[in-house]
């Protein structure tokens, strides 16, 4: 953090009342004031903003997402730094009602319609990189099962979209509008990845899920539930693989509650 603050001071940014609000596996998040505005400072534990799994957090792409109001307003971002600063987005309490679901479906559609201004990886490229990174660990069965699930979506993978890939509740900021953060794992991917994630995250029932896809503008509703179930399982494997990578880097302990919970989910999928 000291090195990051020195870099920040060198570019003429001075914070007031800076405090840590989250210590994550790949980054630490701080909140503070700058020029009478509440801001968020993210300091990454990697040597650069760029994630080893992906070439995202690219300055041009993040500014594009910010301009589209799919990410908060950026104050400072640079491909050469291991930090970036953006305006605080006040997230309020909410009910998972039809109005919220409508906003969420429409906003996910906006993400998927984004045409990235840089070349980015496909989802399959990401999986291959994960597999290589974990080749020293006995994960052959895990990746075999994952590829079998992905193969079931093969017909749909000819029309990939820009996908967030990590739409958990912490990455969805909500008030009168909805904004997404933490695009580190975004890629060109199947639309069902994000849809399945939010359906599971918010515990949407079949009626609510149908409302979500109506507001998204989903046209082919035949076998929709089956497709979502496949992607829920794919996301479960992705979460498990991500934890294994974080363990390898020393960010998560081998017997953490997070690891054990995901291991149980994987076991249930095998039954």
C-alpha atoms as a PDB file:
ATOM      1  CA  UNK A   1       0.000   0.000   0.000  1.00  0.00           C
ATOM      2  CA  UNK A   2       2.873   2.392   0.800  1.00  0.00           C
ATOM      3  CA  UNK A   3       4.260   2.058  -2.745  1.00  0.00           C
ATOM      4  CA  UNK A   4       0.807   2.698  -4.216  1.00  0.00           C
ATOM      5  CA  UNK A   5       0.331   5.815  -2.064  1.00  0.00           C
ATOM      6  CA  UNK A   6       3.696   7.187  -3.160  1.00  0.00           C
ATOM      7  CA  UNK A   7       2.699   6.708  -6.811  1.00  0.00           C
ATOM      8  CA  UNK A   8      -0.634   8.397  -6.120  1.00  0.00           C
ATOM      9  CA  UNK A   9       1.078  11.345  -4.459  1.00  0.00           C
ATOM     10  CA  UNK A  10       3.408  11.638  -7.458  1.00  0.00           C
ATOM     11  CA  UNK A  11       0.453  12.175  -9.796  1.00  0.00           C
ATOM     12  CA  UNK A  12      -0.927  14.886  -7.525  1.00  0.00           C
ATOM     13  CA  UNK A  13      -3.822  13.061  -5.894  1.00  0.00           C
ATOM     14  CA  UNK A  14      -4.243  13.624  -2.160  1.00  0.00           C
ATOM     15  CA  UNK A  15      -6.889  11.761  -0.170  1.00  0.00           C
ATOM     16  CA  UNK A  16      -8.672  12.649   3.035  1.00  0.00           C
ATOM     17  CA  UNK A  17      -9.901  10.084   5.553  1.00  0.00           C
ATOM     18  CA  UNK A  18      -8.693   7.054   3.578  1.00  0.00           C
ATOM     19  CA  UNK A  19      -9.675   3.756   5.201  1.00  0.00           C
ATOM     20  CA  UNK A  20      -9.726   0.115   4.164  1.00  0.00           C
ATOM     21  CA  UNK A  21     -13.180  -1.378   3.648  1.00  0.00           C
ATOM     22  CA  UNK A  22     -12.275  -4.727   2.109  1.00  0.00           C
ATOM     23  CA  UNK A  23      -9.280  -7.036   2.077  1.00  0.00           C
ATOM     24  CA  UNK A  24      -9.654  -9.358  -0.878  1.00  0.00           C
ATOM     25  CA  UNK A  25      -7.659 -12.206  -2.333  1.00  0.00           C
ATOM     26  CA  UNK A  26      -6.384 -10.185  -5.307  1.00  0.00           C
ATOM     27  CA  UNK A  27      -6.847  -6.583  -4.140  1.00  0.00           C
ATOM     28  CA  UNK A  28      -7.536  -4.313  -1.189  1.00  0.00           C
ATOM     29  CA  UNK A  29     -10.294  -1.694  -1.375  1.00  0.00           C
ATOM     30  CA  UNK A  30     -10.249   1.687   0.351  1.00  0.00           C
ATOM     31  CA  UNK A  31     -12.761   4.509   0.660  1.00  0.00           C
ATOM     32  CA  UNK A  32     -11.865   8.156   1.095  1.00  0.00           C
ATOM     33  CA  UNK A  33     -12.429  11.712  -0.097  1.00  0.00           C
ATOM     34  CA  UNK A  34     -10.800  13.486  -3.040  1.00  0.00           C
ATOM     35  CA  UNK A  35     -11.767  16.978  -4.201  1.00  0.00           C
ATOM     36  CA  UNK A  36     -14.860  16.841  -1.983  1.00  0.00           C
ATOM     37  CA  UNK A  37     -16.015  13.612  -3.587  1.00  0.00           C
ATOM     38  CA  UNK A  38     -16.235  10.180  -2.052  1.00  0.00           C
ATOM     39  CA  UNK A  39     -13.955   7.793  -3.931  1.00  0.00           C
ATOM     40  CA  UNK A  40     -12.895   4.150  -4.063  1.00  0.00           C
ATOM     41  CA  UNK A  41      -9.230   3.180  -4.300  1.00  0.00           C
ATOM     42  CA  UNK A  42      -8.410  -0.375  -5.369  1.00  0.00           C
ATOM     43  CA  UNK A  43      -4.842  -1.588  -4.882  1.00  0.00           C
ATOM     44  CA  UNK A  44      -4.017  -4.850  -6.640  1.00  0.00           C
ATOM     45  CA  UNK A  45      -1.654  -7.434  -5.217  1.00  0.00           C
ATOM     46  CA  UNK A  46      -0.353  -8.314  -8.663  1.00  0.00           C
ATOM     47  CA  UNK A  47       2.479  -6.227 -10.092  1.00  0.00           C
ATOM     48  CA  UNK A  48       0.103  -4.512 -12.529  1.00  0.00           C
ATOM     49  CA  UNK A  49      -3.580  -3.839 -12.966  1.00  0.00           C
ATOM     50  CA  UNK A  50      -3.591  -6.637 -15.496  1.00  0.00           C
ATOM     51  CA  UNK A  51      -4.732  -9.941 -14.127  1.00  0.00           C
ATOM     52  CA  UNK A  52      -2.589 -12.976 -14.982  1.00  0.00           C
ATOM     53  CA  UNK A  53      -5.687 -14.815 -16.145  1.00  0.00           C
ATOM     54  CA  UNK A  54      -6.731 -12.065 -18.517  1.00  0.00           C
ATOM     55  CA  UNK A  55      -5.485  -8.903 -20.176  1.00  0.00           C
ATOM     56  CA  UNK A  56      -8.385  -6.908 -18.823  1.00  0.00           C
ATOM     57  CA  UNK A  57      -8.491  -3.855 -16.593  1.00  0.00           C
ATOM     58  CA  UNK A  58      -7.132  -2.210 -19.689  1.00  0.00           C
ATOM     59  CA  UNK A  59      -7.364   1.563 -19.384  1.00  0.00           C
ATOM     60  CA  UNK A  60      -9.230   2.064 -22.675  1.00  0.00           C
ATOM     61  CA  UNK A  61     -11.758  -0.675 -21.969  1.00  0.00           C
ATOM     62  CA  UNK A  62     -12.486   0.489 -18.420  1.00  0.00           C
ATOM     63  CA  UNK A  63     -13.014   4.052 -19.649  1.00  0.00           C
ATOM     64  CA  UNK A  64     -15.370   2.696 -22.311  1.00  0.00           C
ATOM     65  CA  UNK A  65     -17.407   0.857 -19.655  1.00  0.00           C
ATOM     66  CA  UNK A  66     -17.454   3.976 -17.482  1.00  0.00           C
ATOM     67  CA  UNK A  67     -18.666   6.131 -20.392  1.00  0.00           C
ATOM     68  CA  UNK A  68     -21.470   3.610 -20.964  1.00  0.00           C
ATOM     69  CA  UNK A  69     -22.409   3.873 -17.254  1.00  0.00           C
ATOM     70  CA  UNK A  70     -21.630   0.187 -16.792  1.00  0.00           C
ATOM     71  CA  UNK A  71     -18.895   1.118 -14.318  1.00  0.00           C
ATOM     72  CA  UNK A  72     -18.568   4.135 -11.967  1.00  0.00           C
ATOM     73  CA  UNK A  73     -16.875   7.347 -13.112  1.00  0.00           C
ATOM     74  CA  UNK A  74     -13.092   6.872 -13.264  1.00  0.00           C
ATOM     75  CA  UNK A  75     -10.766   9.374 -11.605  1.00  0.00           C
ATOM     76  CA  UNK A  76      -7.462   7.666 -12.386  1.00  0.00           C
ATOM     77  CA  UNK A  77      -6.506   4.486 -14.182  1.00  0.00           C
ATOM     78  CA  UNK A  78      -3.284   3.470 -15.905  1.00  0.00           C
ATOM     79  CA  UNK A  79      -2.056   0.221 -17.413  1.00  0.00           C
ATOM     80  CA  UNK A  80       1.274   0.844 -15.689  1.00  0.00           C
ATOM     81  CA  UNK A  81      -0.042   1.059 -12.126  1.00  0.00           C
ATOM     82  CA  UNK A  82      -1.307  -1.543  -9.695  1.00  0.00           C
ATOM     83  CA  UNK A  83      -4.154   0.672  -8.515  1.00  0.00           C
ATOM     84  CA  UNK A  84      -7.060   2.683  -9.838  1.00  0.00           C
ATOM     85  CA  UNK A  85      -9.493   5.222  -8.448  1.00  0.00           C
ATOM     86  CA  UNK A  86     -13.159   5.771  -9.209  1.00  0.00           C
ATOM     87  CA  UNK A  87     -16.075   7.683  -7.755  1.00  0.00           C
ATOM     88  CA  UNK A  88     -18.056   6.015  -5.008  1.00  0.00           C
ATOM     89  CA  UNK A  89     -21.386   4.614  -6.224  1.00  0.00           C
ATOM     90  CA  UNK A  90     -23.913   4.766  -3.388  1.00  0.00           C
ATOM     91  CA  UNK A  91     -25.512   1.334  -3.210  1.00  0.00           C
ATOM     92  CA  UNK A  92     -28.810   1.322  -1.319  1.00  0.00           C
ATOM     93  CA  UNK A  93     -31.066  -1.315   0.156  1.00  0.00           C
ATOM     94  CA  UNK A  94     -33.445  -2.955  -2.289  1.00  0.00           C
ATOM     95  CA  UNK A  95     -36.105  -5.594  -2.664  1.00  0.00           C
ATOM     96  CA  UNK A  96     -35.869  -8.337  -5.250  1.00  0.00           C
ATOM     97  CA  UNK A  97     -39.118  -7.290  -6.867  1.00  0.00           C
ATOM     98  CA  UNK A  98     -40.226  -6.941 -10.489  1.00  0.00           C
ATOM     99  CA  UNK A  99     -38.816  -3.425 -10.742  1.00  0.00           C
ATOM    100  CA  UNK A 100     -35.377  -4.523  -9.552  1.00  0.00           C
ATOM    101  CA  UNK A 101     -35.413  -7.580 -11.825  1.00  0.00           C
ATOM    102  CA  UNK A 102     -36.376  -5.367 -14.777  1.00  0.00           C
ATOM    103  CA  UNK A 103     -33.415  -3.048 -14.156  1.00  0.00           C
ATOM    104  CA  UNK A 104     -31.057  -5.978 -13.695  1.00  0.00           C
ATOM    105  CA  UNK A 105     -32.123  -7.733 -16.897  1.00  0.00           C
ATOM    106  CA  UNK A 106     -31.829  -4.528 -18.924  1.00  0.00           C
ATOM    107  CA  UNK A 107     -28.405  -3.701 -17.476  1.00  0.00           C
ATOM    108  CA  UNK A 108     -26.984  -7.144 -18.181  1.00  0.00           C
ATOM    109  CA  UNK A 109     -28.228  -6.764 -21.751  1.00  0.00           C
ATOM    110  CA  UNK A 110     -26.291  -3.463 -22.007  1.00  0.00           C
ATOM    111  CA  UNK A 111     -23.110  -5.246 -20.901  1.00  0.00           C
ATOM    112  CA  UNK A 112     -23.653  -8.005 -23.441  1.00  0.00           C
ATOM    113  CA  UNK A 113     -24.234  -5.476 -26.220  1.00  0.00           C
ATOM    114  CA  UNK A 114     -20.933  -3.714 -25.502  1.00  0.00           C
ATOM    115  CA  UNK A 115     -18.382  -3.996 -28.295  1.00  0.00           C
ATOM    116  CA  UNK A 116     -15.006  -3.929 -26.485  1.00  0.00           C
ATOM    117  CA  UNK A 117     -12.528  -1.436 -27.897  1.00  0.00           C
ATOM    118  CA  UNK A 118      -9.681  -3.908 -27.347  1.00  0.00           C
ATOM    119  CA  UNK A 119      -9.203  -7.561 -28.214  1.00  0.00           C
ATOM    120  CA  UNK A 120     -10.076  -9.764 -25.247  1.00  0.00           C
ATOM    121  CA  UNK A 121      -9.992 -13.454 -24.445  1.00  0.00           C
ATOM    122  CA  UNK A 122     -12.800 -15.881 -25.024  1.00  0.00           C
ATOM    123  CA  UNK A 123     -14.150 -17.841 -22.089  1.00  0.00           C
ATOM    124  CA  UNK A 124     -12.524 -20.979 -23.498  1.00  0.00           C
ATOM    125  CA  UNK A 125      -9.146 -19.176 -23.618  1.00  0.00           C
ATOM    126  CA  UNK A 126      -9.545 -18.360 -19.938  1.00  0.00           C
ATOM    127  CA  UNK A 127     -10.316 -21.965 -19.017  1.00  0.00           C
ATOM    128  CA  UNK A 128      -7.220 -23.170 -20.869  1.00  0.00           C
ATOM    129  CA  UNK A 129      -5.065 -20.677 -18.940  1.00  0.00           C
ATOM    130  CA  UNK A 130      -6.556 -21.868 -15.662  1.00  0.00           C
ATOM    131  CA  UNK A 131      -5.832 -25.470 -16.638  1.00  0.00           C
ATOM    132  CA  UNK A 132      -2.198 -24.667 -17.433  1.00  0.00           C
ATOM    133  CA  UNK A 133      -1.772 -22.752 -14.176  1.00  0.00           C
ATOM    134  CA  UNK A 134      -3.104 -25.717 -12.190  1.00  0.00           C
ATOM    135  CA  UNK A 135      -1.315 -28.456 -14.147  1.00  0.00           C
ATOM    136  CA  UNK A 136       0.874 -29.286 -11.123  1.00  0.00           C
ATOM    137  CA  UNK A 137      -2.254 -30.030  -9.088  1.00  0.00           C
ATOM    138  CA  UNK A 138      -4.366 -33.108  -9.723  1.00  0.00           C
ATOM    139  CA  UNK A 139      -7.313 -31.349 -11.369  1.00  0.00           C
ATOM    140  CA  UNK A 140      -7.748 -33.492 -14.487  1.00  0.00           C
ATOM    141  CA  UNK A 141     -11.176 -34.778 -13.401  1.00  0.00           C
ATOM    142  CA  UNK A 142     -12.350 -31.280 -12.527  1.00  0.00           C
ATOM    143  CA  UNK A 143     -11.448 -29.908 -15.961  1.00  0.00           C
ATOM    144  CA  UNK A 144     -12.779 -33.030 -17.706  1.00  0.00           C
ATOM    145  CA  UNK A 145     -16.174 -32.518 -16.051  1.00  0.00           C
ATOM    146  CA  UNK A 146     -16.067 -28.799 -16.825  1.00  0.00           C
ATOM    147  CA  UNK A 147     -15.321 -29.393 -20.519  1.00  0.00           C
ATOM    148  CA  UNK A 148     -18.176 -31.887 -20.713  1.00  0.00           C
ATOM    149  CA  UNK A 149     -20.559 -29.204 -19.453  1.00  0.00           C
ATOM    150  CA  UNK A 150     -19.128 -26.599 -21.827  1.00  0.00           C
ATOM    151  CA  UNK A 151     -19.563 -29.022 -24.744  1.00  0.00           C
ATOM    152  CA  UNK A 152     -23.293 -29.126 -23.964  1.00  0.00           C
ATOM    153  CA  UNK A 153     -23.403 -25.405 -24.802  1.00  0.00           C
ATOM    154  CA  UNK A 154     -21.434 -25.759 -28.034  1.00  0.00           C
ATOM    155  CA  UNK A 155     -24.298 -24.752 -30.357  1.00  0.00           C
ATOM    156  CA  UNK A 156     -24.714 -21.464 -28.511  1.00  0.00           C
ATOM    157  CA  UNK A 157     -21.029 -20.531 -28.520  1.00  0.00           C
ATOM    158  CA  UNK A 158     -20.989 -19.229 -32.089  1.00  0.00           C
ATOM    159  CA  UNK A 159     -22.486 -15.946 -30.907  1.00  0.00           C
ATOM    160  CA  UNK A 160     -20.374 -14.880 -27.935  1.00  0.00           C
ATOM    161  CA  UNK A 161     -20.908 -11.554 -26.166  1.00  0.00           C
ATOM    162  CA  UNK A 162     -18.933  -9.388 -23.779  1.00  0.00           C
ATOM    163  CA  UNK A 163     -19.695 -11.069 -20.456  1.00  0.00           C
ATOM    164  CA  UNK A 164     -18.853  -9.979 -16.903  1.00  0.00           C
ATOM    165  CA  UNK A 165     -18.517 -13.607 -15.682  1.00  0.00           C
ATOM    166  CA  UNK A 166     -18.517 -12.702 -11.969  1.00  0.00           C
ATOM    167  CA  UNK A 167     -21.889 -11.113 -11.211  1.00  0.00           C
ATOM    168  CA  UNK A 168     -22.055 -11.930  -7.524  1.00  0.00           C
ATOM    169  CA  UNK A 169     -23.924  -9.551  -5.210  1.00  0.00           C
ATOM    170  CA  UNK A 170     -20.735  -7.731  -4.174  1.00  0.00           C
ATOM    171  CA  UNK A 171     -20.129  -6.712  -7.794  1.00  0.00           C
ATOM    172  CA  UNK A 172     -23.640  -5.349  -8.388  1.00  0.00           C
ATOM    173  CA  UNK A 173     -24.197  -1.811  -7.074  1.00  0.00           C
ATOM    174  CA  UNK A 174     -27.824  -0.729  -6.826  1.00  0.00           C
ATOM    175  CA  UNK A 175     -29.724   2.539  -6.382  1.00  0.00           C
ATOM    176  CA  UNK A 176     -31.951   4.251  -8.960  1.00  0.00           C
ATOM    177  CA  UNK A 177     -29.614   2.703 -11.506  1.00  0.00           C
ATOM    178  CA  UNK A 178     -27.485  -0.457 -11.480  1.00  0.00           C
ATOM    179  CA  UNK A 179     -23.735  -0.461 -11.975  1.00  0.00           C
ATOM    180  CA  UNK A 180     -21.231  -3.316 -12.086  1.00  0.00           C
ATOM    181  CA  UNK A 181     -17.680  -3.426 -10.736  1.00  0.00           C
ATOM    182  CA  UNK A 182     -14.750  -5.882 -10.811  1.00  0.00           C
ATOM    183  CA  UNK A 183     -14.552  -6.820 -14.478  1.00  0.00           C
ATOM    184  CA  UNK A 184     -11.258  -8.698 -14.025  1.00  0.00           C
ATOM    185  CA  UNK A 185     -12.702 -11.995 -15.222  1.00  0.00           C
ATOM    186  CA  UNK A 186     -14.732 -10.682 -18.149  1.00  0.00           C
ATOM    187  CA  UNK A 187     -14.411 -12.349 -21.544  1.00  0.00           C
ATOM    188  CA  UNK A 188     -16.315 -13.140 -24.710  1.00  0.00           C
ATOM    189  CA  UNK A 189     -18.759 -15.717 -23.471  1.00  0.00           C
ATOM    190  CA  UNK A 190     -22.190 -17.319 -23.664  1.00  0.00           C
ATOM    191  CA  UNK A 191     -25.017 -15.058 -22.424  1.00  0.00           C
ATOM    192  CA  UNK A 192     -26.186 -17.730 -19.964  1.00  0.00           C
ATOM    193  CA  UNK A 193     -23.097 -17.359 -17.765  1.00  0.00           C
ATOM    194  CA  UNK A 194     -24.198 -13.975 -16.359  1.00  0.00           C
ATOM    195  CA  UNK A 195     -27.900 -14.840 -16.387  1.00  0.00           C
ATOM    196  CA  UNK A 196     -27.339 -18.075 -14.461  1.00  0.00           C
ATOM    197  CA  UNK A 197     -25.126 -16.299 -11.943  1.00  0.00           C
ATOM    198  CA  UNK A 198     -27.687 -13.624 -11.026  1.00  0.00           C
ATOM    199  CA  UNK A 199     -30.570 -16.110 -10.967  1.00  0.00           C
ATOM    200  CA  UNK A 200     -28.651 -18.142  -8.399  1.00  0.00           C
ATOM    201  CA  UNK A 201     -27.245 -15.142  -6.490  1.00  0.00           C
ATOM    202  CA  UNK A 202     -30.661 -13.608  -5.892  1.00  0.00           C
ATOM    203  CA  UNK A 203     -32.483 -16.923  -5.533  1.00  0.00           C
ATOM    204  CA  UNK A 204     -34.940 -16.128  -8.318  1.00  0.00           C
ATOM    205  CA  UNK A 205     -37.802 -18.578  -8.731  1.00  0.00           C
ATOM    206  CA  UNK A 206     -38.990 -19.695 -12.167  1.00  0.00           C
ATOM    207  CA  UNK A 207     -41.483 -16.837 -12.473  1.00  0.00           C
ATOM    208  CA  UNK A 208     -38.851 -14.244 -11.516  1.00  0.00           C
ATOM    209  CA  UNK A 209     -36.295 -15.829 -13.833  1.00  0.00           C
ATOM    210  CA  UNK A 210     -38.808 -15.607 -16.683  1.00  0.00           C
ATOM    211  CA  UNK A 211     -39.359 -11.915 -15.872  1.00  0.00           C
ATOM    212  CA  UNK A 212     -35.580 -11.381 -15.904  1.00  0.00           C
ATOM    213  CA  UNK A 213     -35.146 -12.855 -19.369  1.00  0.00           C
ATOM    214  CA  UNK A 214     -38.196 -10.974 -20.683  1.00  0.00           C
ATOM    215  CA  UNK A 215     -36.591  -7.702 -19.553  1.00  0.00           C
ATOM    216  CA  UNK A 216     -33.263  -8.860 -20.961  1.00  0.00           C
ATOM    217  CA  UNK A 217     -34.940  -9.439 -24.316  1.00  0.00           C
ATOM    218  CA  UNK A 218     -34.284 -13.175 -24.403  1.00  0.00           C
ATOM    219  CA  UNK A 219     -36.109 -14.642 -27.378  1.00  0.00           C
ATOM    220  CA  UNK A 220     -35.441 -18.383 -27.458  1.00  0.00           C
ATOM    221  CA  UNK A 221     -37.158 -19.644 -24.301  1.00  0.00           C
ATOM    222  CA  UNK A 222     -37.205 -23.298 -25.285  1.00  0.00           C
ATOM    223  CA  UNK A 223     -35.157 -25.341 -22.781  1.00  0.00           C
ATOM    224  CA  UNK A 224     -34.137 -22.124 -20.996  1.00  0.00           C
ATOM    225  CA  UNK A 225     -34.165 -23.685 -17.511  1.00  0.00           C
ATOM    226  CA  UNK A 226     -31.983 -26.553 -18.753  1.00  0.00           C
ATOM    227  CA  UNK A 227     -29.451 -24.088 -20.195  1.00  0.00           C
ATOM    228  CA  UNK A 228     -29.396 -22.095 -16.961  1.00  0.00           C
ATOM    229  CA  UNK A 229     -28.887 -25.271 -14.915  1.00  0.00           C
ATOM    230  CA  UNK A 230     -25.891 -26.201 -17.076  1.00  0.00           C
ATOM    231  CA  UNK A 231     -24.361 -22.771 -16.532  1.00  0.00           C
ATOM    232  CA  UNK A 232     -25.020 -22.888 -12.780  1.00  0.00           C
ATOM    233  CA  UNK A 233     -22.928 -26.057 -12.749  1.00  0.00           C
ATOM    234  CA  UNK A 234     -20.235 -24.482 -14.937  1.00  0.00           C
ATOM    235  CA  UNK A 235     -20.092 -21.501 -12.562  1.00  0.00           C
ATOM    236  CA  UNK A 236     -19.734 -23.861  -9.600  1.00  0.00           C
ATOM    237  CA  UNK A 237     -16.674 -25.441 -11.232  1.00  0.00           C
ATOM    238  CA  UNK A 238     -15.291 -21.986 -12.059  1.00  0.00           C
ATOM    239  CA  UNK A 239     -15.630 -20.883  -8.431  1.00  0.00           C
ATOM    240  CA  UNK A 240     -13.811 -24.017  -7.304  1.00  0.00           C
ATOM    241  CA  UNK A 241     -11.014 -23.552  -9.869  1.00  0.00           C
ATOM    242  CA  UNK A 242     -10.625 -19.906  -8.867  1.00  0.00           C
ATOM    243  CA  UNK A 243     -10.226 -20.936  -5.215  1.00  0.00           C
ATOM    244  CA  UNK A 244      -7.546 -23.480  -6.203  1.00  0.00           C
ATOM    245  CA  UNK A 245      -5.650 -20.735  -8.032  1.00  0.00           C
ATOM    246  CA  UNK A 246      -5.934 -18.407  -5.027  1.00  0.00           C
ATOM    247  CA  UNK A 247      -4.658 -21.220  -2.804  1.00  0.00           C
ATOM    248  CA  UNK A 248      -1.680 -21.733  -5.103  1.00  0.00           C
ATOM    249  CA  UNK A 249      -0.861 -18.017  -4.851  1.00  0.00           C
ATOM    250  CA  UNK A 250      -1.195 -18.156  -1.060  1.00  0.00           C
ATOM    251  CA  UNK A 251      -4.250 -15.884  -0.853  1.00  0.00           C
ATOM    252  CA  UNK A 252      -6.627 -18.562   0.522  1.00  0.00           C
ATOM    253  CA  UNK A 253      -5.747 -21.247   3.071  1.00  0.00           C
ATOM    254  CA  UNK A 254      -6.062 -24.900   1.930  1.00  0.00           C
ATOM    255  CA  UNK A 255      -8.754 -25.627   4.530  1.00  0.00           C
ATOM    256  CA  UNK A 256     -10.662 -22.354   4.400  1.00  0.00           C
ATOM    257  CA  UNK A 257     -14.447 -22.368   4.819  1.00  0.00           C
ATOM    258  CA  UNK A 258     -14.746 -20.966   1.285  1.00  0.00           C
ATOM    259  CA  UNK A 259     -12.793 -23.917  -0.117  1.00  0.00           C
ATOM    260  CA  UNK A 260     -14.715 -26.537   1.887  1.00  0.00           C
ATOM    261  CA  UNK A 261     -18.098 -25.092   0.872  1.00  0.00           C
ATOM    262  CA  UNK A 262     -17.201 -25.144  -2.820  1.00  0.00           C
ATOM    263  CA  UNK A 263     -15.757 -28.634  -2.508  1.00  0.00           C
ATOM    264  CA  UNK A 264     -19.108 -29.817  -1.154  1.00  0.00           C
ATOM    265  CA  UNK A 265     -20.892 -28.218  -4.126  1.00  0.00           C
ATOM    266  CA  UNK A 266     -18.538 -30.042  -6.509  1.00  0.00           C
ATOM    267  CA  UNK A 267     -19.223 -33.355  -4.769  1.00  0.00           C
ATOM    268  CA  UNK A 268     -22.975 -32.812  -5.129  1.00  0.00           C
ATOM    269  CA  UNK A 269     -22.554 -32.230  -8.872  1.00  0.00           C
ATOM    270  CA  UNK A 270     -20.877 -35.613  -9.228  1.00  0.00           C
ATOM    271  CA  UNK A 271     -23.790 -37.495  -7.669  1.00  0.00           C
END
